Every structure is written in structure tokens, then in C-alpha cells.
């Protein structure tokens, strides 16, 4: 059994999670670089982060949220995914709300946060769920692009029984020069699965959470039990 992971993952983690009888190759299909901008006043804004890269670039640009809820102009922080939440915690900040994907976050904001105004710190290829949905509900929302995602578009000549995808941009990068047919397709979250469905009719196995542990559990369930 051979599996392609479309991002680099520590081999010791793979071995621990999947054992030695599954062969795994890791190939990066995208790369990201922070964009340096001048930090500005965040007063009166709620902040949205939908990726670890967004958090990393935010703090590289020396932004500093005010998370003191007793202050007049504090910043609520909303994020997508546990990994993004953990990255915020590394920098000393918590989160007001953590949702599993952008669609769920959009529904939460529309239902409960109508009177807030939002800044979304994201990449140049961020999906357009929030900027499509929120303005239609007269919610003040603005994207702040603080990192670039570049699709590498590698040619994969090796044959694999399965491939694992981690982002819509990773799907696009892979699919531009490679076929998705004839493989089991694993996806970390529904947003990535939605992108896969635009390229293939193959069955897609979607992790329940946007975490490595969730995707590994899914692989063990769907593949390892059949070996």
C-alpha cells in the first residue's frame, strides 16, 4: 500500500500513526510566504483567522490584538480549526470562538454577530465563503491579505493507491498536472473535499475535524483495516 501526502509531515509521526506496512511519500504542492505590511489599529474590530499561516504572518507583521474583555475596544478572535487555535495560543492569545470550517463560521457570525465588524487575516487564495456571505447580510467584513500561496503544480510520476489533501489550493496545484482517478482520496475537512469534487467523481473520504490526528484515524479505518 502506497500513499501520497501532499505536504511534508514528520516521518516519525507517520510511522507512529500508520505503522511500517504502509509506504508514504510526502510531496509539497504549495508554498507560502508572508507579506510584510505596516501594522494598523485594530480597535473596534473582531479578528478572523482561518489558517495557521494567517496567524504566523499576522504576528510577523507585529500586530498586537487587545484581548482584555474589560477594555472598551478589545478584539474578539474567531478562528477555524484546532490547529489555528493552537498557533494563536503559542503567541499568547486565546479565541472567542473556534469553528470547524469557514462555512460554519459564516453561519455563526450571521446568526449571532450581526453588529460586529470583522477583519479576516488570510492568504491571497483564501476561499470566498466569508466575503460572499457576510456583506449580503450587511455585516462589515474586510479581507487583509498577509501571505501569498503559490501553487507549485508538480508532476507526480509514481503510482499511488491513495492521496491525502490538506487545502483547496493543494488540490488545484496537484490536479493541474496529475490525475485523481484510480486512487482513494482523503481530505482534511469539507472545504478541501468540495474542491476535490470539482475534479473527480471518485469517492472522497473526509476527516471529521481539520486535524492530522483525525485524518490519520480515517486512513486507518478505511485502508489499514483492509490490508
C-alpha atoms as a PDB file:
ATOM      1  CA  UNK A   1       0.000   0.000   0.000  1.00  0.00           C
ATOM      2  CA  UNK A   2       1.455   3.368  -1.078  1.00  0.00           C
ATOM      3  CA  UNK A   3       0.023   6.728  -0.029  1.00  0.00           C
ATOM      4  CA  UNK A   4       0.917  10.224  -1.208  1.00  0.00           C
ATOM      5  CA  UNK A   5       0.669  13.057   1.293  1.00  0.00           C
ATOM      6  CA  UNK A   6       0.529  16.446  -0.439  1.00  0.00           C
ATOM      7  CA  UNK A   7       2.513  18.210   2.299  1.00  0.00           C
ATOM      8  CA  UNK A   8       5.590  17.377   4.330  1.00  0.00           C
ATOM      9  CA  UNK A   9       4.857  15.543   7.567  1.00  0.00           C
ATOM     10  CA  UNK A  10       7.375  14.269  10.100  1.00  0.00           C
ATOM     11  CA  UNK A  11       8.186  10.637   9.134  1.00  0.00           C
ATOM     12  CA  UNK A  12       8.188   9.605  12.799  1.00  0.00           C
ATOM     13  CA  UNK A  13       4.588  10.800  13.145  1.00  0.00           C
ATOM     14  CA  UNK A  14       3.545   8.879  10.028  1.00  0.00           C
ATOM     15  CA  UNK A  15       5.269   5.733  11.256  1.00  0.00           C
ATOM     16  CA  UNK A  16       3.638   6.042  14.667  1.00  0.00           C
ATOM     17  CA  UNK A  17       0.160   6.599  13.215  1.00  0.00           C
ATOM     18  CA  UNK A  18       0.200   4.168  10.271  1.00  0.00           C
ATOM     19  CA  UNK A  19       2.900   1.626  11.104  1.00  0.00           C
ATOM     20  CA  UNK A  20       5.609   0.251   8.852  1.00  0.00           C
ATOM     21  CA  UNK A  21       3.488  -1.710   6.361  1.00  0.00           C
ATOM     22  CA  UNK A  22       2.190   1.388   4.568  1.00  0.00           C
ATOM     23  CA  UNK A  23       4.643   3.242   2.334  1.00  0.00           C
ATOM     24  CA  UNK A  24       4.225   7.012   2.392  1.00  0.00           C
ATOM     25  CA  UNK A  25       5.737   9.734   0.215  1.00  0.00           C
ATOM     26  CA  UNK A  26       5.340  13.424   1.012  1.00  0.00           C
ATOM     27  CA  UNK A  27       5.379  15.995  -1.788  1.00  0.00           C
ATOM     28  CA  UNK A  28       4.772  19.691  -1.209  1.00  0.00           C
ATOM     29  CA  UNK A  29       2.272  21.018  -3.747  1.00  0.00           C
ATOM     30  CA  UNK A  30       2.053  24.614  -2.463  1.00  0.00           C
ATOM     31  CA  UNK A  31       4.350  27.054  -0.709  1.00  0.00           C
ATOM     32  CA  UNK A  32       3.506  30.122   1.343  1.00  0.00           C
ATOM     33  CA  UNK A  33       5.345  33.358   2.062  1.00  0.00           C
ATOM     34  CA  UNK A  34       4.296  36.152   4.437  1.00  0.00           C
ATOM     35  CA  UNK A  35       3.589  39.604   3.044  1.00  0.00           C
ATOM     36  CA  UNK A  36       5.038  42.437   5.100  1.00  0.00           C
ATOM     37  CA  UNK A  37       2.628  45.286   5.733  1.00  0.00           C
ATOM     38  CA  UNK A  38       2.552  48.137   8.236  1.00  0.00           C
ATOM     39  CA  UNK A  39       0.514  47.187  11.314  1.00  0.00           C
ATOM     40  CA  UNK A  40      -2.544  49.349  11.892  1.00  0.00           C
ATOM     41  CA  UNK A  41      -5.024  49.973  14.678  1.00  0.00           C
ATOM     42  CA  UNK A  42      -7.333  47.003  15.330  1.00  0.00           C
ATOM     43  CA  UNK A  43      -9.641  48.990  17.600  1.00  0.00           C
ATOM     44  CA  UNK A  44     -13.336  48.014  17.398  1.00  0.00           C
ATOM     45  CA  UNK A  45     -12.686  45.052  15.092  1.00  0.00           C
ATOM     46  CA  UNK A  46     -13.252  41.353  15.609  1.00  0.00           C
ATOM     47  CA  UNK A  47     -10.461  39.278  14.070  1.00  0.00           C
ATOM     48  CA  UNK A  48     -10.800  36.163  11.915  1.00  0.00           C
ATOM     49  CA  UNK A  49      -8.079  33.582  11.251  1.00  0.00           C
ATOM     50  CA  UNK A  50      -8.767  30.593   9.001  1.00  0.00           C
ATOM     51  CA  UNK A  51      -5.249  29.132   8.842  1.00  0.00           C
ATOM     52  CA  UNK A  52      -2.012  28.733  10.765  1.00  0.00           C
ATOM     53  CA  UNK A  53      -0.243  30.718   8.033  1.00  0.00           C
ATOM     54  CA  UNK A  54      -2.574  33.648   8.656  1.00  0.00           C
ATOM     55  CA  UNK A  55      -1.716  33.647  12.365  1.00  0.00           C
ATOM     56  CA  UNK A  56       2.024  33.363  11.707  1.00  0.00           C
ATOM     57  CA  UNK A  57       2.054  36.225   9.192  1.00  0.00           C
ATOM     58  CA  UNK A  58      -0.135  38.375  11.468  1.00  0.00           C
ATOM     59  CA  UNK A  59       2.393  38.276  14.282  1.00  0.00           C
ATOM     60  CA  UNK A  60       5.377  38.595  11.927  1.00  0.00           C
ATOM     61  CA  UNK A  61       3.820  41.903  10.921  1.00  0.00           C
ATOM     62  CA  UNK A  62       3.860  42.943  14.605  1.00  0.00           C
ATOM     63  CA  UNK A  63       0.109  43.245  15.009  1.00  0.00           C
ATOM     64  CA  UNK A  64      -0.970  43.116  18.620  1.00  0.00           C
ATOM     65  CA  UNK A  65      -4.601  42.363  19.494  1.00  0.00           C
ATOM     66  CA  UNK A  66      -6.230  43.638  22.667  1.00  0.00           C
ATOM     67  CA  UNK A  67      -7.865  40.607  24.260  1.00  0.00           C
ATOM     68  CA  UNK A  68      -8.786  42.282  27.551  1.00  0.00           C
ATOM     69  CA  UNK A  69     -12.571  41.889  27.640  1.00  0.00           C
ATOM     70  CA  UNK A  70     -12.786  44.547  30.374  1.00  0.00           C
ATOM     71  CA  UNK A  71     -11.371  47.150  27.981  1.00  0.00           C
ATOM     72  CA  UNK A  72     -13.625  49.259  25.791  1.00  0.00           C
ATOM     73  CA  UNK A  73     -12.028  48.392  22.453  1.00  0.00           C
ATOM     74  CA  UNK A  74     -10.991  44.766  22.902  1.00  0.00           C
ATOM     75  CA  UNK A  75     -10.724  42.355  19.942  1.00  0.00           C
ATOM     76  CA  UNK A  76     -12.741  39.162  19.776  1.00  0.00           C
ATOM     77  CA  UNK A  77     -10.788  36.448  17.939  1.00  0.00           C
ATOM     78  CA  UNK A  78     -12.586  33.894  15.798  1.00  0.00           C
ATOM     79  CA  UNK A  79     -10.743  31.041  14.105  1.00  0.00           C
ATOM     80  CA  UNK A  80     -11.209  27.933  12.002  1.00  0.00           C
ATOM     81  CA  UNK A  81      -9.702  24.691  13.274  1.00  0.00           C
ATOM     82  CA  UNK A  82      -7.915  23.482  16.376  1.00  0.00           C
ATOM     83  CA  UNK A  83      -4.522  23.866  14.721  1.00  0.00           C
ATOM     84  CA  UNK A  84      -5.160  27.561  14.134  1.00  0.00           C
ATOM     85  CA  UNK A  85      -6.277  27.914  17.759  1.00  0.00           C
ATOM     86  CA  UNK A  86      -3.075  26.264  18.987  1.00  0.00           C
ATOM     87  CA  UNK A  87      -0.975  28.632  16.875  1.00  0.00           C
ATOM     88  CA  UNK A  88      -2.742  31.613  18.470  1.00  0.00           C
ATOM     89  CA  UNK A  89      -2.019  30.168  21.893  1.00  0.00           C
ATOM     90  CA  UNK A  90       1.696  29.911  21.032  1.00  0.00           C
ATOM     91  CA  UNK A  91       1.617  33.700  20.728  1.00  0.00           C
ATOM     92  CA  UNK A  92      -0.247  34.110  23.999  1.00  0.00           C
ATOM     93  CA  UNK A  93      -3.769  34.623  22.686  1.00  0.00           C
ATOM     94  CA  UNK A  94      -6.977  32.673  23.098  1.00  0.00           C
ATOM     95  CA  UNK A  95     -10.056  32.555  20.916  1.00  0.00           C
ATOM     96  CA  UNK A  96     -13.599  33.737  21.438  1.00  0.00           C
ATOM     97  CA  UNK A  97     -14.970  31.038  19.113  1.00  0.00           C
ATOM     98  CA  UNK A  98     -13.461  28.120  17.186  1.00  0.00           C
ATOM     99  CA  UNK A  99     -15.414  26.621  14.272  1.00  0.00           C
ATOM    100  CA  UNK A 100     -14.531  23.626  12.112  1.00  0.00           C
ATOM    101  CA  UNK A 101     -14.652  25.380   8.702  1.00  0.00           C
ATOM    102  CA  UNK A 102     -15.379  28.702   7.012  1.00  0.00           C
ATOM    103  CA  UNK A 103     -18.969  27.753   6.183  1.00  0.00           C
ATOM    104  CA  UNK A 104     -19.768  27.039   9.841  1.00  0.00           C
ATOM    105  CA  UNK A 105     -18.052  30.266  10.918  1.00  0.00           C
ATOM    106  CA  UNK A 106     -20.084  32.231   8.368  1.00  0.00           C
ATOM    107  CA  UNK A 107     -23.359  30.816   9.688  1.00  0.00           C
ATOM    108  CA  UNK A 108     -22.335  31.548  13.283  1.00  0.00           C
ATOM    109  CA  UNK A 109     -21.465  35.169  12.507  1.00  0.00           C
ATOM    110  CA  UNK A 110     -24.676  35.725  10.551  1.00  0.00           C
ATOM    111  CA  UNK A 111     -26.738  34.207  13.354  1.00  0.00           C
ATOM    112  CA  UNK A 112     -25.071  35.761  16.408  1.00  0.00           C
ATOM    113  CA  UNK A 113     -22.654  38.561  15.471  1.00  0.00           C
ATOM    114  CA  UNK A 114     -24.608  40.923  13.228  1.00  0.00           C
ATOM    115  CA  UNK A 115     -23.361  44.101  14.912  1.00  0.00           C
ATOM    116  CA  UNK A 116     -19.633  43.339  14.876  1.00  0.00           C
ATOM    117  CA  UNK A 117     -17.165  44.394  12.194  1.00  0.00           C
ATOM    118  CA  UNK A 118     -14.552  41.923  11.056  1.00  0.00           C
ATOM    119  CA  UNK A 119     -11.001  41.816   9.725  1.00  0.00           C
ATOM    120  CA  UNK A 120     -10.012  38.485   8.153  1.00  0.00           C
ATOM    121  CA  UNK A 121      -6.236  37.968   8.057  1.00  0.00           C
ATOM    122  CA  UNK A 122      -5.653  35.440   5.284  1.00  0.00           C
ATOM    123  CA  UNK A 123      -3.777  34.434   2.143  1.00  0.00           C
ATOM    124  CA  UNK A 124      -4.231  35.557  -1.435  1.00  0.00           C
ATOM    125  CA  UNK A 125      -6.049  32.314  -2.315  1.00  0.00           C
ATOM    126  CA  UNK A 126      -8.416  32.238   0.651  1.00  0.00           C
ATOM    127  CA  UNK A 127     -11.814  30.793  -0.245  1.00  0.00           C
ATOM    128  CA  UNK A 128     -14.543  33.367  -0.735  1.00  0.00           C
ATOM    129  CA  UNK A 129     -17.163  31.986   1.661  1.00  0.00           C
ATOM    130  CA  UNK A 130     -16.981  34.821   4.191  1.00  0.00           C
ATOM    131  CA  UNK A 131     -16.643  37.700   1.733  1.00  0.00           C
ATOM    132  CA  UNK A 132     -19.521  36.250  -0.280  1.00  0.00           C
ATOM    133  CA  UNK A 133     -21.921  35.625   2.625  1.00  0.00           C
ATOM    134  CA  UNK A 134     -21.310  38.348   5.211  1.00  0.00           C
ATOM    135  CA  UNK A 135     -21.748  41.514   3.093  1.00  0.00           C
ATOM    136  CA  UNK A 136     -25.078  40.137   1.851  1.00  0.00           C
ATOM    137  CA  UNK A 137     -26.222  40.309   5.494  1.00  0.00           C
ATOM    138  CA  UNK A 138     -24.898  43.885   5.842  1.00  0.00           C
ATOM    139  CA  UNK A 139     -22.102  42.682   8.121  1.00  0.00           C
ATOM    140  CA  UNK A 140     -18.937  44.774   7.865  1.00  0.00           C
ATOM    141  CA  UNK A 141     -16.148  42.474   6.695  1.00  0.00           C
ATOM    142  CA  UNK A 142     -12.749  43.035   5.100  1.00  0.00           C
ATOM    143  CA  UNK A 143     -10.009  40.667   3.976  1.00  0.00           C
ATOM    144  CA  UNK A 144      -6.425  41.599   4.843  1.00  0.00           C
ATOM    145  CA  UNK A 145      -4.015  39.595   2.693  1.00  0.00           C
ATOM    146  CA  UNK A 146      -0.877  38.907   4.715  1.00  0.00           C
ATOM    147  CA  UNK A 147       0.601  35.887   2.958  1.00  0.00           C
ATOM    148  CA  UNK A 148       0.869  34.517  -0.560  1.00  0.00           C
ATOM    149  CA  UNK A 149       0.155  30.919  -1.508  1.00  0.00           C
ATOM    150  CA  UNK A 150       1.875  29.678  -4.647  1.00  0.00           C
ATOM    151  CA  UNK A 151       0.728  26.539  -6.417  1.00  0.00           C
ATOM    152  CA  UNK A 152       3.806  24.504  -7.359  1.00  0.00           C
ATOM    153  CA  UNK A 153       1.993  22.163  -9.809  1.00  0.00           C
ATOM    154  CA  UNK A 154       4.443  19.219  -9.532  1.00  0.00           C
ATOM    155  CA  UNK A 155       4.285  16.288 -11.938  1.00  0.00           C
ATOM    156  CA  UNK A 156       3.887  13.048  -9.964  1.00  0.00           C
ATOM    157  CA  UNK A 157       5.090  10.046 -11.949  1.00  0.00           C
ATOM    158  CA  UNK A 158       4.851   7.478  -9.159  1.00  0.00           C
ATOM    159  CA  UNK A 159       1.628   5.468  -8.861  1.00  0.00           C
ATOM    160  CA  UNK A 160      -0.198   5.548  -5.520  1.00  0.00           C
ATOM    161  CA  UNK A 161      -3.125   3.678  -4.040  1.00  0.00           C
ATOM    162  CA  UNK A 162      -4.265   6.789  -2.159  1.00  0.00           C
ATOM    163  CA  UNK A 163      -3.596  10.517  -1.875  1.00  0.00           C
ATOM    164  CA  UNK A 164      -4.201  12.884   1.023  1.00  0.00           C
ATOM    165  CA  UNK A 165      -5.081  16.568   0.566  1.00  0.00           C
ATOM    166  CA  UNK A 166      -4.978  19.423   3.080  1.00  0.00           C
ATOM    167  CA  UNK A 167      -6.327  22.534   1.334  1.00  0.00           C
ATOM    168  CA  UNK A 168      -8.286  23.637  -1.749  1.00  0.00           C
ATOM    169  CA  UNK A 169      -5.154  25.270  -3.181  1.00  0.00           C
ATOM    170  CA  UNK A 170      -3.274  21.992  -2.715  1.00  0.00           C
ATOM    171  CA  UNK A 171      -5.986  20.188  -4.669  1.00  0.00           C
ATOM    172  CA  UNK A 172      -5.783  22.705  -7.512  1.00  0.00           C
ATOM    173  CA  UNK A 173      -1.990  22.531  -7.602  1.00  0.00           C
ATOM    174  CA  UNK A 174      -1.991  18.730  -7.801  1.00  0.00           C
ATOM    175  CA  UNK A 175      -4.888  18.409 -10.252  1.00  0.00           C
ATOM    176  CA  UNK A 176      -3.405  20.823 -12.784  1.00  0.00           C
ATOM    177  CA  UNK A 177      -0.816  18.262 -13.973  1.00  0.00           C
ATOM    178  CA  UNK A 178      -1.920  14.960 -12.405  1.00  0.00           C
ATOM    179  CA  UNK A 179      -4.938  12.673 -12.477  1.00  0.00           C
ATOM    180  CA  UNK A 180      -7.031  11.945  -9.397  1.00  0.00           C
ATOM    181  CA  UNK A 181      -8.552   8.827 -10.901  1.00  0.00           C
ATOM    182  CA  UNK A 182      -7.945   5.337  -9.602  1.00  0.00           C
ATOM    183  CA  UNK A 183      -6.908   6.386  -6.087  1.00  0.00           C
ATOM    184  CA  UNK A 184      -8.582   6.582  -2.719  1.00  0.00           C
ATOM    185  CA  UNK A 185      -8.838  10.279  -1.927  1.00  0.00           C
ATOM    186  CA  UNK A 186      -8.558  11.559   1.627  1.00  0.00           C
ATOM    187  CA  UNK A 187      -9.324  15.144   2.577  1.00  0.00           C
ATOM    188  CA  UNK A 188      -8.790  17.146   5.746  1.00  0.00           C
ATOM    189  CA  UNK A 189     -12.147  18.881   6.039  1.00  0.00           C
ATOM    190  CA  UNK A 190     -15.213  19.517   3.945  1.00  0.00           C
ATOM    191  CA  UNK A 191     -13.869  22.641   2.210  1.00  0.00           C
ATOM    192  CA  UNK A 192     -10.997  20.664   0.688  1.00  0.00           C
ATOM    193  CA  UNK A 193     -13.388  17.851  -0.249  1.00  0.00           C
ATOM    194  CA  UNK A 194     -15.572  20.359  -2.064  1.00  0.00           C
ATOM    195  CA  UNK A 195     -12.618  21.374  -4.197  1.00  0.00           C
ATOM    196  CA  UNK A 196     -11.796  17.724  -4.948  1.00  0.00           C
ATOM    197  CA  UNK A 197     -15.350  17.172  -6.213  1.00  0.00           C
ATOM    198  CA  UNK A 198     -14.772  19.709  -8.977  1.00  0.00           C
ATOM    199  CA  UNK A 199     -12.031  17.490 -10.417  1.00  0.00           C
ATOM    200  CA  UNK A 200     -13.198  13.911  -9.928  1.00  0.00           C
ATOM    201  CA  UNK A 201     -16.106  11.537  -9.453  1.00  0.00           C
ATOM    202  CA  UNK A 202     -14.014   9.263  -7.217  1.00  0.00           C
ATOM    203  CA  UNK A 203     -15.222   8.687  -3.667  1.00  0.00           C
ATOM    204  CA  UNK A 204     -13.729  11.178  -1.202  1.00  0.00           C
ATOM    205  CA  UNK A 205     -13.098  10.315   2.435  1.00  0.00           C
ATOM    206  CA  UNK A 206     -13.351  13.434   4.609  1.00  0.00           C
ATOM    207  CA  UNK A 207     -11.958  13.733   8.126  1.00  0.00           C
ATOM    208  CA  UNK A 208     -14.380  14.821  10.828  1.00  0.00           C
ATOM    209  CA  UNK A 209     -12.005  17.502  12.066  1.00  0.00           C
ATOM    210  CA  UNK A 210      -9.340  19.636  10.403  1.00  0.00           C
ATOM    211  CA  UNK A 211      -6.519  17.887  12.257  1.00  0.00           C
ATOM    212  CA  UNK A 212      -3.744  15.429  11.455  1.00  0.00           C
ATOM    213  CA  UNK A 213      -4.981  13.023  14.114  1.00  0.00           C
ATOM    214  CA  UNK A 214      -8.422  12.976  12.503  1.00  0.00           C
ATOM    215  CA  UNK A 215      -7.081  12.301   9.012  1.00  0.00           C
ATOM    216  CA  UNK A 216      -4.801   9.529  10.322  1.00  0.00           C
ATOM    217  CA  UNK A 217      -7.739   7.911  12.118  1.00  0.00           C
ATOM    218  CA  UNK A 218      -9.721   7.986   8.878  1.00  0.00           C
ATOM    219  CA  UNK A 219      -6.861   6.397   6.913  1.00  0.00           C
ATOM    220  CA  UNK A 220      -6.515   3.634   9.480  1.00  0.00           C
ATOM    221  CA  UNK A 221     -10.246   2.973   9.320  1.00  0.00           C
ATOM    222  CA  UNK A 222     -10.583   2.950   5.520  1.00  0.00           C
ATOM    223  CA  UNK A 223      -7.280   1.417   4.419  1.00  0.00           C
ATOM    224  CA  UNK A 224      -5.282  -0.222   7.166  1.00  0.00           C
ATOM    225  CA  UNK A 225      -8.165  -2.471   8.230  1.00  0.00           C
ATOM    226  CA  UNK A 226      -8.338  -3.866   4.676  1.00  0.00           C
ATOM    227  CA  UNK A 227      -4.695  -4.802   4.304  1.00  0.00           C
END
